[in-house]
Amino acid sequence: MLCPICNGLEQLTAICPVCSLQTDDYGRLEDFAGPYAPYQPDTYTNNETLPSWSQSEQSCGHIVYCSNCVKSFEVSVSKWH
């Protein structure tokens, strides 16, 4: 299973729940919340144990930011088979 957003197959379009304006994609939740390691391989693939803050094997958590409200939100993206 793969995330269409992480793999560049689709663009994330998420609307702010507060002001209803388009948000900006800030990337995967695990990249945003995890330790900084830009040269490390993605260790949370192929049915491996996911960290407690990840959505599930069926979805990929992304962080979006609304520049109007100055707030960030989590969005769940369904993975493709």
Protein backbone atom coordinates (compact mmCIF):
# COMPACT_ATOMS: atom_id res chain seq x y z
CA MET A 1 0.00 0.00 0.00
CA LEU A 2 1.22 3.48 -0.78
CA CYS A 3 0.20 7.02 -0.05
CA PRO A 4 -0.67 8.90 -3.25
CA ILE A 5 0.40 12.19 -1.65
CA CYS A 6 3.81 11.00 -0.39
CA ASN A 7 4.52 9.43 -3.79
CA GLY A 8 3.58 12.55 -5.78
CA LEU A 9 0.63 10.90 -7.54
CA GLU A 10 -1.89 13.42 -6.21
CA GLN A 11 -1.81 16.80 -4.49
CA LEU A 12 -3.29 17.14 -1.05
CA THR A 13 -6.30 19.43 -1.11
CA ALA A 14 -7.59 20.08 2.38
CA ILE A 15 -9.94 22.83 3.49
CA CYS A 16 -9.48 24.52 6.86
CA PRO A 17 -12.30 23.47 9.21
CA VAL A 18 -12.31 26.95 10.80
CA CYS A 19 -12.33 29.39 7.86
CA SER A 20 -12.97 27.07 4.86
CA LEU A 21 -9.88 28.28 2.94
CA GLN A 22 -7.35 26.01 1.24
CA THR A 23 -4.51 24.79 3.48
CA ASP A 24 -0.84 24.10 2.72
CA ASP A 25 0.58 20.57 2.93
CA TYR A 26 3.40 20.40 5.50
CA GLY A 27 4.15 16.72 4.88
CA ARG A 28 3.71 13.48 6.72
CA LEU A 29 2.84 13.54 10.39
CA GLU A 30 5.66 11.13 11.22
CA ASP A 31 8.17 13.44 9.50
CA PHE A 32 6.74 16.47 11.28
CA ALA A 33 6.54 14.88 14.74
CA GLY A 34 9.41 12.38 14.54
CA PRO A 35 13.12 12.85 15.12
CA TYR A 36 15.07 14.72 12.45
CA ALA A 37 16.85 12.20 10.24
CA PRO A 38 16.78 13.33 6.58
CA TYR A 39 19.05 10.56 5.30
CA GLN A 40 17.40 7.68 7.10
CA PRO A 41 15.15 5.32 5.11
CA ASP A 42 11.41 5.27 5.76
CA THR A 43 11.14 2.55 8.40
CA TYR A 44 7.34 2.50 8.64
CA THR A 45 6.46 0.63 5.46
CA ASN A 46 5.59 -2.89 4.38
CA ASN A 47 3.42 -3.86 7.36
CA GLU A 48 6.04 -2.98 9.97
CA THR A 49 4.96 -1.72 13.37
CA LEU A 50 3.78 1.87 13.08
CA PRO A 51 4.49 4.42 15.79
CA SER A 52 1.61 5.21 18.13
CA TRP A 53 0.99 8.62 16.49
CA SER A 54 0.52 7.16 13.00
CA GLN A 55 -2.97 6.64 11.64
CA SER A 56 -2.85 3.01 10.50
CA GLU A 57 -1.58 0.78 7.74
CA GLN A 58 -4.62 1.87 5.68
CA SER A 59 -4.01 5.62 5.92
CA CYS A 60 -1.20 8.15 6.08
CA GLY A 61 -1.34 11.14 8.42
CA HIS A 62 -0.38 14.52 6.97
CA ILE A 63 -0.07 17.94 8.57
CA VAL A 64 -1.75 20.88 6.84
CA TYR A 65 -1.42 24.54 7.77
CA CYS A 66 -3.89 27.38 7.34
CA SER A 67 -2.06 30.69 6.93
CA ASN A 68 -5.33 32.60 7.48
CA CYS A 69 -6.09 31.03 10.87
CA VAL A 70 -2.42 30.37 11.72
CA LYS A 71 -3.32 26.82 12.77
CA SER A 72 -2.20 23.36 11.74
CA PHE A 73 -4.40 20.28 11.44
CA GLU A 74 -3.95 16.58 10.82
CA VAL A 75 -5.48 15.05 7.68
CA SER A 76 -5.81 11.32 7.07
CA VAL A 77 -5.09 10.18 3.49
CA SER A 78 -6.26 6.73 2.35
CA LYS A 79 -3.45 4.61 0.96
CA TRP A 80 -3.77 2.87 -2.41
CA HIS A 81 -3.48 -0.90 -2.83
